[in-house]
C-alpha atoms as a PDB file:
ATOM      1  CA  MET A   1      82.749 -56.828  20.476  1.00  0.00           C
ATOM      2  CA  LYS A   2      80.195 -55.502  22.983  1.00  0.00           C
ATOM      3  CA  GLN A   3      77.505 -55.588  20.287  1.00  0.00           C
ATOM      4  CA  LEU A   4      78.322 -59.227  19.498  1.00  0.00           C
ATOM      5  CA  VAL A   5      78.138 -60.172  23.179  1.00  0.00           C
ATOM      6  CA  GLY A   6      74.776 -58.363  23.420  1.00  0.00           C
ATOM      7  CA  LEU A   7      73.357 -60.339  20.515  1.00  0.00           C
ATOM      8  CA  ILE A   8      74.561 -63.640  21.969  1.00  0.00           C
ATOM      9  CA  LEU A   9      72.916 -62.803  25.294  1.00  0.00           C
ATOM     10  CA  PHE A  10      69.701 -61.827  23.501  1.00  0.00           C
ATOM     11  CA  PHE A  11      69.372 -65.195  21.749  1.00  0.00           C
ATOM     12  CA  CYS A  12      70.294 -67.055  24.938  1.00  0.00           C
ATOM     13  CA  LEU A  13      67.437 -65.283  26.718  1.00  0.00           C
ATOM     14  CA  LEU A  14      65.118 -66.183  23.865  1.00  0.00           C
ATOM     15  CA  GLY A  15      65.899 -69.863  24.307  1.00  0.00           C
ATOM     16  CA  ALA A  16      65.296 -69.665  28.039  1.00  0.00           C
ATOM     17  CA  TYR A  17      61.584 -68.896  27.738  1.00  0.00           C
ATOM     18  CA  PRO A  18      58.827 -71.392  26.998  1.00  0.00           C
ATOM     19  CA  GLN A  19      56.943 -71.204  23.766  1.00  0.00           C
ATOM     20  CA  CYS A  20      54.239 -68.753  24.387  1.00  0.00           C
ATOM     21  CA  ALA A  21      50.308 -66.222  20.933  1.00  0.00           C
ATOM     22  CA  LEU A  22      48.965 -64.061  18.527  1.00  0.00           C
ATOM     23  CA  GLY A  23      46.449 -66.741  17.620  1.00  0.00           C
ATOM     24  CA  ASN A  24      44.482 -66.120  14.452  1.00  0.00           C
ATOM     25  CA  ASN A  25      43.981 -62.398  15.025  1.00  0.00           C
ATOM     26  CA  ALA A  26      45.693 -59.595  13.167  1.00  0.00           C
ATOM     27  CA  GLY A  27      46.385 -57.928  16.524  1.00  0.00           C
ATOM     28  CA  TYR A  28      45.861 -54.507  18.102  1.00  0.00           C
ATOM     29  CA  GLY A  29      46.661 -51.114  16.632  1.00  0.00           C
ATOM     30  CA  ALA A  30      46.058 -50.097  13.023  1.00  0.00           C
ATOM     31  CA  ARG A  31      49.701 -49.200  12.416  1.00  0.00           C
ATOM     32  CA  ALA A  32      50.921 -52.621  13.509  1.00  0.00           C
ATOM     33  CA  VAL A  33      48.170 -54.409  11.585  1.00  0.00           C
ATOM     34  CA  ALA A  34      48.967 -52.477   8.391  1.00  0.00           C
ATOM     35  CA  MET A  35      52.583 -53.659   8.727  1.00  0.00           C
ATOM     36  CA  GLY A  36      51.495 -57.289   8.834  1.00  0.00           C
ATOM     37  CA  GLY A  37      52.056 -57.628  12.572  1.00  0.00           C
ATOM     38  CA  ALA A  38      55.839 -57.242  12.134  1.00  0.00           C
ATOM     39  CA  TYR A  39      55.939 -54.991  15.163  1.00  0.00           C
ATOM     40  CA  THR A  40      57.780 -56.653  18.032  1.00  0.00           C
ATOM     41  CA  ALA A  41      60.971 -54.654  17.505  1.00  0.00           C
ATOM     42  CA  ILE A  42      59.084 -51.381  16.792  1.00  0.00           C
ATOM     43  CA  ALA A  43      56.285 -51.279  19.433  1.00  0.00           C
ATOM     44  CA  ASP A  44      56.474 -47.531  20.079  1.00  0.00           C
ATOM     45  CA  ASP A  45      52.822 -46.471  20.080  1.00  0.00           C
ATOM     46  CA  THR A  46      49.596 -47.108  21.982  1.00  0.00           C
ATOM     47  CA  SER A  47      49.612 -50.820  21.036  1.00  0.00           C
ATOM     48  CA  ALA A  48      53.099 -51.377  22.510  1.00  0.00           C
ATOM     49  CA  PRO A  49      51.813 -53.154  25.654  1.00  0.00           C
ATOM     50  CA  TYR A  50      50.383 -55.860  23.410  1.00  0.00           C
ATOM     51  CA  TRP A  51      53.211 -56.221  20.889  1.00  0.00           C
ATOM     52  CA  ASN A  52      56.120 -55.719  23.275  1.00  0.00           C
ATOM     53  CA  PRO A  53      55.791 -54.111  26.725  1.00  0.00           C
ATOM     54  CA  ALA A  54      59.474 -53.124  26.618  1.00  0.00           C
ATOM     55  CA  GLY A  55      58.579 -50.693  23.823  1.00  0.00           C
ATOM     56  CA  ILE A  56      56.732 -48.245  26.076  1.00  0.00           C
ATOM     57  CA  THR A  57      60.141 -46.869  27.110  1.00  0.00           C
ATOM     58  CA  GLU A  58      60.089 -45.126  23.697  1.00  0.00           C
ATOM     59  CA  ILE A  59      56.830 -43.316  24.555  1.00  0.00           C
ATOM     60  CA  ARG A  60      56.136 -40.094  26.450  1.00  0.00           C
ATOM     61  CA  PHE A  61      52.327 -40.275  26.679  1.00  0.00           C
ATOM     62  CA  ILE A  62      49.634 -41.729  24.403  1.00  0.00           C
ATOM     63  CA  PHE A  63      45.869 -42.020  24.567  1.00  0.00           C
ATOM     64  CA  ALA A  64      44.643 -43.705  21.384  1.00  0.00           C
ATOM     65  CA  PRO A  65      41.713 -46.178  21.384  1.00  0.00           C
ATOM     66  CA  THR A  66      41.796 -48.834  18.676  1.00  0.00           C
ATOM     67  CA  LEU A  67      39.134 -51.123  17.192  1.00  0.00           C
ATOM     68  CA  GLY A  68      39.135 -53.648  14.397  1.00  0.00           C
ATOM     69  CA  TYR A  69      37.459 -56.751  13.027  1.00  0.00           C
ATOM     70  CA  ASN A  70      38.128 -59.441  10.482  1.00  0.00           C
ATOM     71  CA  GLY A  71      35.511 -61.803   9.083  1.00  0.00           C
ATOM     72  CA  THR A  72      31.838 -61.734   8.171  1.00  0.00           C
ATOM     73  CA  ASP A  73      29.530 -59.650  10.359  1.00  0.00           C
ATOM     74  CA  TRP A  74      28.694 -58.890  13.980  1.00  0.00           C
ATOM     75  CA  LYS A  75      25.139 -60.259  14.010  1.00  0.00           C
ATOM     76  CA  GLU A  76      26.299 -63.827  13.396  1.00  0.00           C
ATOM     77  CA  ALA A  77      28.866 -63.626  16.215  1.00  0.00           C
ATOM     78  CA  ARG A  78      26.282 -62.123  18.569  1.00  0.00           C
ATOM     79  CA  ASP A  79      23.833 -64.920  17.783  1.00  0.00           C
ATOM     80  CA  LEU A  80      26.500 -67.501  18.483  1.00  0.00           C
ATOM     81  CA  LEU A  81      27.353 -65.895  21.829  1.00  0.00           C
ATOM     82  CA  ASP A  82      23.698 -65.969  22.901  1.00  0.00           C
ATOM     83  CA  ILE A  83      22.251 -69.249  21.639  1.00  0.00           C
ATOM     84  CA  GLU A  84      18.834 -70.011  23.127  1.00  0.00           C
ATOM     85  CA  THR A  85      17.164 -72.384  20.687  1.00  0.00           C
ATOM     86  CA  TYR A  86      18.124 -75.804  19.385  1.00  0.00           C
ATOM     87  CA  PRO A  87      18.982 -76.706  16.726  1.00  0.00           C
ATOM     88  CA  PRO A  88      20.859 -73.425  16.144  1.00  0.00           C
ATOM     89  CA  LYS A  89      20.369 -71.973  12.694  1.00  0.00           C
ATOM     90  CA  LEU A  90      23.602 -70.224  11.805  1.00  0.00           C
ATOM     91  CA  PRO A  91      25.421 -69.915   8.488  1.00  0.00           C
ATOM     92  CA  GLU A  92      29.037 -70.953   8.118  1.00  0.00           C
ATOM     93  CA  PHE A  93      31.319 -68.062   9.092  1.00  0.00           C
ATOM     94  CA  GLU A  94      34.464 -66.952  10.924  1.00  0.00           C
ATOM     95  CA  LEU A  95      35.025 -63.665  12.714  1.00  0.00           C
ATOM     96  CA  SER A  96      37.620 -62.103  14.965  1.00  0.00           C
ATOM     97  CA  SER A  97      37.574 -58.672  16.546  1.00  0.00           C
ATOM     98  CA  GLN A  98      39.866 -56.697  18.819  1.00  0.00           C
ATOM     99  CA  GLY A  99      39.541 -53.513  20.843  1.00  0.00           C
ATOM    100  CA  MET A 100      41.974 -51.626  23.090  1.00  0.00           C
ATOM    101  CA  LEU A 101      41.518 -48.610  25.354  1.00  0.00           C
ATOM    102  CA  GLY A 102      43.852 -47.098  27.917  1.00  0.00           C
ATOM    103  CA  LEU A 103      46.748 -44.808  28.747  1.00  0.00           C
ATOM    104  CA  THR A 104      50.395 -45.482  27.934  1.00  0.00           C
ATOM    105  CA  ALA A 105      53.353 -43.555  29.333  1.00  0.00           C
ATOM    106  CA  LYS A 106      57.134 -43.988  29.362  1.00  0.00           C
ATOM    107  CA  HIS A 107      57.385 -46.538  32.168  1.00  0.00           C
ATOM    108  CA  PHE A 108      53.808 -47.545  32.995  1.00  0.00           C
ATOM    109  CA  ALA A 109      50.592 -48.244  31.106  1.00  0.00           C
ATOM    110  CA  LEU A 110      47.070 -49.297  31.973  1.00  0.00           C
ATOM    111  CA  ASN A 111      44.853 -50.781  29.254  1.00  0.00           C
ATOM    112  CA  VAL A 112      41.716 -52.823  28.704  1.00  0.00           C
ATOM    113  CA  LEU A 113      41.767 -55.266  25.780  1.00  0.00           C
ATOM    114  CA  ALA A 114      38.869 -57.207  24.243  1.00  0.00           C
ATOM    115  CA  ASP A 115      39.363 -60.183  21.953  1.00  0.00           C
ATOM    116  CA  LEU A 116      36.439 -61.966  20.251  1.00  0.00           C
ATOM    117  CA  ASN A 117      36.736 -65.087  18.108  1.00  0.00           C
ATOM    118  CA  ALA A 118      33.723 -66.875  16.658  1.00  0.00           C
ATOM    119  CA  ASP A 119      33.102 -69.521  14.016  1.00  0.00           C
ATOM    120  CA  SER A 120      30.319 -71.750  12.791  1.00  0.00           C
ATOM    121  CA  LYS A 121      31.013 -74.689  10.473  1.00  0.00           C
ATOM    122  CA  VAL A 122      28.636 -76.860   8.493  1.00  0.00           C
ATOM    123  CA  ILE A 123      30.452 -80.182   8.227  1.00  0.00           C
ATOM    124  CA  ALA A 124      27.773 -81.944   6.210  1.00  0.00           C
ATOM    125  CA  ASP A 125      24.737 -80.013   5.079  1.00  0.00           C
ATOM    126  CA  GLY A 126      21.717 -81.075   7.103  1.00  0.00           C
ATOM    127  CA  ILE A 127      23.703 -83.702   9.021  1.00  0.00           C
ATOM    128  CA  SER A 128      26.432 -82.175  11.142  1.00  0.00           C
ATOM    129  CA  SER A 129      27.566 -78.717  12.222  1.00  0.00           C
ATOM    130  CA  ASN A 130      29.251 -77.046  15.172  1.00  0.00           C
ATOM    131  CA  GLY A 131      30.168 -73.589  16.349  1.00  0.00           C
ATOM    132  CA  GLN A 132      32.006 -71.733  19.064  1.00  0.00           C
ATOM    133  CA  ALA A 133      32.371 -68.141  20.239  1.00  0.00           C
ATOM    134  CA  ARG A 134      34.868 -66.936  22.812  1.00  0.00           C
ATOM    135  CA  LEU A 135      35.288 -63.470  24.285  1.00  0.00           C
ATOM    136  CA  ASP A 136      38.429 -62.678  26.296  1.00  0.00           C
ATOM    137  CA  LEU A 137      38.649 -59.443  28.292  1.00  0.00           C
ATOM    138  CA  TYR A 138      42.002 -58.327  29.708  1.00  0.00           C
ATOM    139  CA  GLY A 139      42.905 -55.692  32.257  1.00  0.00           C
ATOM    140  CA  VAL A 140      46.597 -55.034  31.622  1.00  0.00           C
ATOM    141  CA  LEU A 141      49.119 -53.277  33.848  1.00  0.00           C
ATOM    142  CA  THR A 142      52.434 -52.677  32.061  1.00  0.00           C
ATOM    143  CA  ALA A 143      55.787 -51.681  33.533  1.00  0.00           C
ATOM    144  CA  ALA A 144      59.047 -51.189  31.605  1.00  0.00           C
ATOM    145  CA  TRP A 145      62.578 -49.958  32.208  1.00  0.00           C
ATOM    146  CA  LYS A 146      65.737 -49.116  30.327  1.00  0.00           C
ATOM    147  CA  VAL A 147      68.684 -51.345  31.225  1.00  0.00           C
ATOM    148  CA  GLY A 148      71.814 -49.566  30.125  1.00  0.00           C
ATOM    149  CA  GLU A 149      71.947 -47.776  26.798  1.00  0.00           C
ATOM    150  CA  LYS A 150      70.821 -50.625  24.554  1.00  0.00           C
ATOM    151  CA  TRP A 151      68.377 -52.841  26.475  1.00  0.00           C
ATOM    152  CA  SER A 152      64.767 -52.373  27.530  1.00  0.00           C
ATOM    153  CA  VAL A 153      62.643 -54.863  29.468  1.00  0.00           C
ATOM    154  CA  GLY A 154      58.911 -54.823  30.113  1.00  0.00           C
ATOM    155  CA  VAL A 155      56.228 -56.974  31.712  1.00  0.00           C
ATOM    156  CA  ASN A 156      52.443 -57.196  31.443  1.00  0.00           C
ATOM    157  CA  LEU A 157      50.400 -58.349  34.427  1.00  0.00           C
ATOM    158  CA  LYS A 158      46.925 -59.311  33.244  1.00  0.00           C
ATOM    159  CA  THR A 159      43.604 -60.148  34.802  1.00  0.00           C
ATOM    160  CA  VAL A 160      41.471 -62.207  32.427  1.00  0.00           C
ATOM    161  CA  ARG A 161      37.755 -62.841  32.048  1.00  0.00           C
ATOM    162  CA  SER A 162      36.586 -65.314  29.377  1.00  0.00           C
ATOM    163  CA  GLU A 163      33.132 -66.196  28.091  1.00  0.00           C
ATOM    164  CA  LEU A 164      32.480 -69.240  25.909  1.00  0.00           C
ATOM    165  CA  SER A 165      29.420 -70.468  23.989  1.00  0.00           C
ATOM    166  CA  GLU A 166      29.451 -73.687  22.011  1.00  0.00           C
ATOM    167  CA  TYR A 167      27.061 -75.968  20.154  1.00  0.00           C
ATOM    168  CA  ARG A 168      27.209 -79.303  18.361  1.00  0.00           C
ATOM    169  CA  LEU A 169      24.581 -80.810  16.092  1.00  0.00           C
ATOM    170  CA  GLU A 170      24.541 -84.252  14.472  1.00  0.00           C
ATOM    171  CA  LEU A 171      21.500 -85.603  12.638  1.00  0.00           C
ATOM    172  CA  ASN A 172      20.899 -88.972  10.957  1.00  0.00           C
ATOM    173  CA  LEU A 173      24.037 -90.411  12.573  1.00  0.00           C
ATOM    174  CA  PRO A 174      24.465 -93.263  15.118  1.00  0.00           C
ATOM    175  CA  TYR A 175      22.780 -92.109  18.323  1.00  0.00           C
ATOM    176  CA  ASN A 176      25.060 -90.325  20.774  1.00  0.00           C
ATOM    177  CA  PRO A 177      23.406 -87.696  22.986  1.00  0.00           C
ATOM    178  CA  ASP A 178      26.760 -86.116  23.845  1.00  0.00           C
ATOM    179  CA  HIS A 179      26.975 -85.018  20.204  1.00  0.00           C
ATOM    180  CA  ASN A 180      23.927 -82.763  20.435  1.00  0.00           C
ATOM    181  CA  TYR A 181      24.205 -79.939  22.910  1.00  0.00           C
ATOM    182  CA  LEU A 182      24.332 -76.238  23.728  1.00  0.00           C
ATOM    183  CA  ALA A 183      26.913 -75.126  26.293  1.00  0.00           C
ATOM    184  CA  ASP A 184      28.041 -71.964  28.064  1.00  0.00           C
ATOM    185  CA  ALA A 185      31.041 -71.408  30.325  1.00  0.00           C
ATOM    186  CA  SER A 186      33.001 -68.602  31.913  1.00  0.00           C
ATOM    187  CA  ALA A 187      36.427 -68.282  33.483  1.00  0.00           C
ATOM    188  CA  LYS A 188      38.500 -65.906  35.562  1.00  0.00           C
ATOM    189  CA  GLY A 189      42.238 -65.907  35.902  1.00  0.00           C
ATOM    190  CA  SER A 190      45.523 -64.187  35.342  1.00  0.00           C
ATOM    191  CA  ALA A 191      48.422 -64.184  32.900  1.00  0.00           C
ATOM    192  CA  PHE A 192      51.633 -62.346  32.189  1.00  0.00           C
ATOM    193  CA  ASP A 193      53.921 -61.427  29.293  1.00  0.00           C
ATOM    194  CA  ILE A 194      57.578 -60.456  29.217  1.00  0.00           C
ATOM    195  CA  GLY A 195      59.239 -58.419  26.476  1.00  0.00           C
ATOM    196  CA  LEU A 196      62.761 -57.350  25.548  1.00  0.00           C
ATOM    197  CA  GLN A 197      64.224 -54.880  23.087  1.00  0.00           C
ATOM    198  CA  TYR A 198      67.864 -54.510  22.100  1.00  0.00           C
ATOM    199  CA  ARG A 199      69.140 -51.634  19.960  1.00  0.00           C
ATOM    200  CA  LEU A 200      72.164 -52.795  17.993  1.00  0.00           C
ATOM    201  CA  ASN A 201      72.783 -49.367  16.463  1.00  0.00           C
ATOM    202  CA  ASP A 202      70.881 -46.382  15.086  1.00  0.00           C
ATOM    203  CA  ARG A 203      69.454 -48.476  12.230  1.00  0.00           C
ATOM    204  CA  ILE A 204      68.789 -51.944  13.687  1.00  0.00           C
ATOM    205  CA  LYS A 205      66.741 -52.987  16.691  1.00  0.00           C
ATOM    206  CA  PHE A 206      65.629 -56.423  17.908  1.00  0.00           C
ATOM    207  CA  GLY A 207      62.563 -57.338  19.938  1.00  0.00           C
ATOM    208  CA  PHE A 208      61.251 -60.406  21.734  1.00  0.00           C
ATOM    209  CA  ILE A 209      58.024 -61.187  23.574  1.00  0.00           C
ATOM    210  CA  ALA A 210      56.756 -64.255  25.414  1.00  0.00           C
ATOM    211  CA  ARG A 211      53.001 -63.653  25.412  1.00  0.00           C
ATOM    212  CA  ASN A 212      50.801 -65.458  27.936  1.00  0.00           C
ATOM    213  CA  CYS A 213      53.873 -67.486  28.893  1.00  0.00           C
ATOM    214  CA  TYR A 214      52.037 -68.192  32.140  1.00  0.00           C
ATOM    215  CA  SER A 215      48.277 -68.180  32.515  1.00  0.00           C
ATOM    216  CA  ASN A 216      45.758 -69.669  34.885  1.00  0.00           C
ATOM    217  CA  LEU A 217      42.070 -69.875  33.990  1.00  0.00           C
ATOM    218  CA  GLU A 218      39.448 -71.574  36.145  1.00  0.00           C
ATOM    219  CA  TRP A 219      36.427 -72.552  34.043  1.00  0.00           C
ATOM    220  CA  GLU A 220      32.838 -73.211  35.136  1.00  0.00           C
ATOM    221  CA  GLY A 221      30.080 -74.182  32.744  1.00  0.00           C
ATOM    222  CA  GLU A 222      26.868 -76.040  31.947  1.00  0.00           C
ATOM    223  CA  LYS A 223      25.560 -77.824  28.894  1.00  0.00           C
ATOM    224  CA  GLN A 224      22.117 -78.945  27.822  1.00  0.00           C
ATOM    225  CA  LEU A 225      21.850 -82.241  25.942  1.00  0.00           C
ATOM    226  CA  TYR A 226      19.234 -82.677  23.218  1.00  0.00           C
ATOM    227  CA  ASN A 227      17.527 -85.458  21.328  1.00  0.00           C
ATOM    228  CA  PHE A 228      17.750 -85.390  17.555  1.00  0.00           C
ATOM    229  CA  ASP A 229      14.221 -84.009  17.384  1.00  0.00           C
ATOM    230  CA  GLY A 230      15.304 -80.925  19.351  1.00  0.00           C
ATOM    231  CA  THR A 231      13.708 -81.852  22.690  1.00  0.00           C
ATOM    232  CA  LYS A 232      15.767 -81.493  25.855  1.00  0.00           C
ATOM    233  CA  LEU A 233      17.372 -84.606  27.263  1.00  0.00           C
ATOM    234  CA  GLY A 234      17.321 -84.281  31.029  1.00  0.00           C
ATOM    235  CA  PRO A 235      18.460 -81.295  33.110  1.00  0.00           C
ATOM    236  CA  LYS A 236      21.594 -79.281  32.476  1.00  0.00           C
ATOM    237  CA  GLU A 237      24.845 -80.905  33.500  1.00  0.00           C
ATOM    238  CA  PRO A 238      28.379 -79.617  34.188  1.00  0.00           C
ATOM    239  CA  PHE A 239      30.333 -78.613  31.108  1.00  0.00           C
ATOM    240  CA  GLU A 240      34.018 -79.460  31.442  1.00  0.00           C
ATOM    241  CA  VAL A 241      36.293 -76.936  29.745  1.00  0.00           C
ATOM    242  CA  ASP A 242      40.058 -77.086  29.400  1.00  0.00           C
ATOM    243  CA  LYS A 243      40.838 -74.133  27.187  1.00  0.00           C
ATOM    244  CA  LYS A 244      43.945 -72.053  27.720  1.00  0.00           C
ATOM    245  CA  LEU A 245      44.935 -68.663  26.456  1.00  0.00           C
ATOM    246  CA  PRO A 246      46.903 -68.893  23.207  1.00  0.00           C
ATOM    247  CA  GLN A 247      50.628 -68.813  23.889  1.00  0.00           C
ATOM    248  CA  ASN A 248      53.556 -67.790  21.727  1.00  0.00           C
ATOM    249  CA  TYR A 249      56.978 -66.313  21.517  1.00  0.00           C
ATOM    250  CA  VAL A 250      58.006 -63.830  18.866  1.00  0.00           C
ATOM    251  CA  LEU A 251      61.415 -62.645  17.716  1.00  0.00           C
ATOM    252  CA  GLY A 252      61.489 -59.511  15.552  1.00  0.00           C
ATOM    253  CA  VAL A 253      63.929 -57.150  13.915  1.00  0.00           C
ATOM    254  CA  VAL A 254      63.454 -53.696  12.391  1.00  0.00           C
ATOM    255  CA  TYR A 255      65.887 -52.066   9.960  1.00  0.00           C
ATOM    256  CA  GLN A 256      65.841 -48.375   9.077  1.00  0.00           C
ATOM    257  CA  PRO A 257      67.806 -47.975   5.819  1.00  0.00           C
ATOM    258  CA  PHE A 258      66.707 -44.336   5.530  1.00  0.00           C
ATOM    259  CA  GLU A 259      65.310 -41.880   8.060  1.00  0.00           C
ATOM    260  CA  SER A 260      61.818 -42.166   6.578  1.00  0.00           C
ATOM    261  CA  THR A 261      61.771 -45.945   5.895  1.00  0.00           C
ATOM    262  CA  LEU A 262      61.227 -48.949   8.184  1.00  0.00           C
ATOM    263  CA  LEU A 263      61.540 -52.624   7.213  1.00  0.00           C
ATOM    264  CA  ALA A 264      60.422 -55.191   9.785  1.00  0.00           C
ATOM    265  CA  LEU A 265      60.361 -58.979  10.146  1.00  0.00           C
ATOM    266  CA  ASP A 266      58.840 -61.136  12.919  1.00  0.00           C
ATOM    267  CA  ILE A 267      59.028 -64.903  13.429  1.00  0.00           C
ATOM    268  CA  ASP A 268      56.135 -66.075  15.577  1.00  0.00           C
ATOM    269  CA  GLN A 269      55.785 -69.526  17.201  1.00  0.00           C
ATOM    270  CA  ILE A 270      52.130 -70.060  18.111  1.00  0.00           C
ATOM    271  CA  GLU A 271      50.495 -72.615  20.376  1.00  0.00           C
ATOM    272  CA  THR A 272      46.705 -72.876  20.645  1.00  0.00           C
ATOM    273  CA  ASP A 273      44.251 -75.518  21.846  1.00  0.00           C
ATOM    274  CA  TYR A 274      43.856 -76.934  18.377  1.00  0.00           C
ATOM    275  CA  LYS A 275      47.167 -76.420  16.534  1.00  0.00           C
ATOM    276  CA  ASP A 276      50.750 -75.227  16.807  1.00  0.00           C
ATOM    277  CA  PHE A 277      52.460 -73.443  13.942  1.00  0.00           C
ATOM    278  CA  VAL A 278      54.980 -70.802  12.936  1.00  0.00           C
ATOM    279  CA  ARG A 279      53.851 -67.534  11.366  1.00  0.00           C
ATOM    280  CA  ILE A 280      56.131 -65.105   9.516  1.00  0.00           C
ATOM    281  CA  HIS A 281      55.308 -61.365   9.442  1.00  0.00           C
ATOM    282  CA  PHE A 282      56.686 -58.737   7.041  1.00  0.00           C
ATOM    283  CA  GLY A 283      56.171 -54.991   7.241  1.00  0.00           C
ATOM    284  CA  LEU A 284      57.144 -51.787   5.443  1.00  0.00           C
ATOM    285  CA  GLU A 285      56.516 -48.175   6.440  1.00  0.00           C
ATOM    286  CA  GLN A 286      57.377 -45.187   4.258  1.00  0.00           C
ATOM    287  CA  SER A 287      56.918 -41.738   5.810  1.00  0.00           C
ATOM    288  CA  LEU A 288      56.261 -38.639   3.716  1.00  0.00           C
ATOM    289  CA  LEU A 289      55.916 -34.879   4.227  1.00  0.00           C
ATOM    290  CA  SER A 290      58.161 -34.669   7.291  1.00  0.00           C
ATOM    291  CA  LYS A 291      56.538 -37.789   8.769  1.00  0.00           C
ATOM    292  CA  THR A 292      53.042 -36.336   8.797  1.00  0.00           C
ATOM    293  CA  VAL A 293      51.852 -39.084   6.415  1.00  0.00           C
ATOM    294  CA  ALA A 294      52.856 -42.752   6.316  1.00  0.00           C
ATOM    295  CA  ILE A 295      52.170 -45.508   3.789  1.00  0.00           C
ATOM    296  CA  ARG A 296      52.298 -49.066   5.154  1.00  0.00           C
ATOM    297  CA  LEU A 297      52.306 -52.504   3.588  1.00  0.00           C
ATOM    298  CA  GLY A 298      52.676 -55.949   5.075  1.00  0.00           C
ATOM    299  CA  ALA A 299      51.920 -59.650   4.939  1.00  0.00           C
ATOM    300  CA  TYR A 300      51.841 -62.662   7.221  1.00  0.00           C
ATOM    301  CA  THR A 301      51.724 -66.373   6.553  1.00  0.00           C
ATOM    302  CA  ASN A 302      48.939 -68.716   7.626  1.00  0.00           C
ATOM    303  CA  LYS A 303      49.228 -72.456   8.158  1.00  0.00           C
ATOM    304  CA  ASP A 304      47.802 -74.313   5.122  1.00  0.00           C
ATOM    305  CA  ASP A 305      46.447 -71.055   3.622  1.00  0.00           C
ATOM    306  CA  SER A 306      47.644 -68.356   1.274  1.00  0.00           C
ATOM    307  CA  PRO A 307      49.547 -65.425   2.832  1.00  0.00           C
ATOM    308  CA  THR A 308      47.398 -62.593   4.162  1.00  0.00           C
ATOM    309  CA  LEU A 309      48.164 -59.130   2.759  1.00  0.00           C
ATOM    310  CA  THR A 310      47.808 -55.917   4.766  1.00  0.00           C
ATOM    311  CA  GLY A 311      48.098 -52.213   4.133  1.00  0.00           C
ATOM    312  CA  GLY A 312      47.171 -48.844   5.536  1.00  0.00           C
ATOM    313  CA  LEU A 313      47.768 -45.147   6.022  1.00  0.00           C
ATOM    314  CA  GLY A 314      48.817 -43.031   8.967  1.00  0.00           C
ATOM    315  CA  PHE A 315      48.502 -39.310   9.710  1.00  0.00           C
ATOM    316  CA  LYS A 316      50.123 -37.270  12.481  1.00  0.00           C
ATOM    317  CA  LEU A 317      49.112 -33.643  12.806  1.00  0.00           C
ATOM    318  CA  GLY A 318      50.742 -32.275  15.923  1.00  0.00           C
ATOM    319  CA  PRO A 319      49.526 -34.440  18.811  1.00  0.00           C
ATOM    320  CA  VAL A 320      46.694 -35.995  16.767  1.00  0.00           C
ATOM    321  CA  ILE A 321      47.284 -39.449  15.293  1.00  0.00           C
ATOM    322  CA  ILE A 322      45.008 -41.364  12.906  1.00  0.00           C
ATOM    323  CA  ASP A 323      45.926 -44.823  11.622  1.00  0.00           C
ATOM    324  CA  ALA A 324      43.830 -47.066   9.393  1.00  0.00           C
ATOM    325  CA  ALA A 325      44.506 -50.584   8.137  1.00  0.00           C
ATOM    326  CA  VAL A 326      42.945 -53.222   5.924  1.00  0.00           C
ATOM    327  CA  VAL A 327      43.540 -56.975   6.074  1.00  0.00           C
ATOM    328  CA  LEU A 328      42.996 -58.938   2.857  1.00  0.00           C
ATOM    329  CA  GLU A 329      42.594 -62.489   4.096  1.00  0.00           C
ATOM    330  CA  GLU A 330      41.390 -65.288   1.852  1.00  0.00           C
ATOM    331  CA  ASP A 331      37.563 -65.084   1.667  1.00  0.00           C
ATOM    332  CA  ASN A 332      37.527 -62.345   4.326  1.00  0.00           C
ATOM    333  CA  GLU A 333      38.490 -58.730   4.831  1.00  0.00           C
ATOM    334  CA  GLY A 334      39.328 -56.856   7.978  1.00  0.00           C
ATOM    335  CA  TYR A 335      39.348 -53.171   8.934  1.00  0.00           C
ATOM    336  CA  TYR A 336      41.159 -51.458  11.817  1.00  0.00           C
ATOM    337  CA  LEU A 337      41.202 -47.876  13.082  1.00  0.00           C
ATOM    338  CA  THR A 338      43.244 -46.114  15.769  1.00  0.00           C
ATOM    339  CA  THR A 339      42.731 -42.465  16.687  1.00  0.00           C
ATOM    340  CA  GLY A 340      44.042 -40.459  19.602  1.00  0.00           C
ATOM    341  CA  PHE A 341      46.697 -38.147  21.004  1.00  0.00           C
ATOM    342  CA  SER A 342      50.438 -38.553  21.432  1.00  0.00           C
ATOM    343  CA  PHE A 343      52.678 -36.170  23.383  1.00  0.00           C
END
């Protein structure tokens, strides 16, 4: 009866929070990525502050930097972040990259996260194209506590710094100077997440996170207008930006049918500036050799696209941990690596 009451309370709490976002990224931490991002109910390693801050109550101490990218290559993203000439000459591409560095302990963690997203699209060859690159840097302070025997709660307090570069190019179309420009903007602000975990029994655990459920970014920027021949059109003028951090809420469950096997499922409601959608994540982890080696598989759905497949390996030799993951997205591949120490 107590377990049933706990579950009812859990889902009531879920409904009480606004819809808050993983975005298009695979996320932080090679173990989580290899399991398709089905990690909200697990969240017991260095990436726990991102996936579910309540999960750090399962940790003693971890230092394990992580880095990963998904898309084409770094040079194209760098060029898009530092546009100086017009018209920009960039191929069509998409790229996302994540990095995380910090210390995580049982009740507190301090991390720095970096999140880069860039894309350049040719809408009509020689006529119209546009591109955008955004870099978000987070300083994250995490605190978490056990509440009774079954509940854990955690919060992330985040300072945010964002950089944005954008261009638009239209040739041989009805004249509109606002459709030909280069722009740069930056923002400072804050945000917070809240996470919950509930252990039903020794085999089943639930997790929930509202990520960026509140955020406040104050943007400042300039843009330079251009004629179709590439000459500047007047001085720079203010560039108005109204871009928020992606928001989402995620409900996850993990089931351990055997001591060495984990099965996980996450349901993720995502809200971004340009679309809202639901993403489903699946993950499997099979440990071998007294849990010194782990094989991981996963998948997650994408709106209007084929599911993305993931996989990876993990090694734990005493305090040393090494996790690697690959993301097999349509027309792109991603690679993620986490190495460090766990005590």
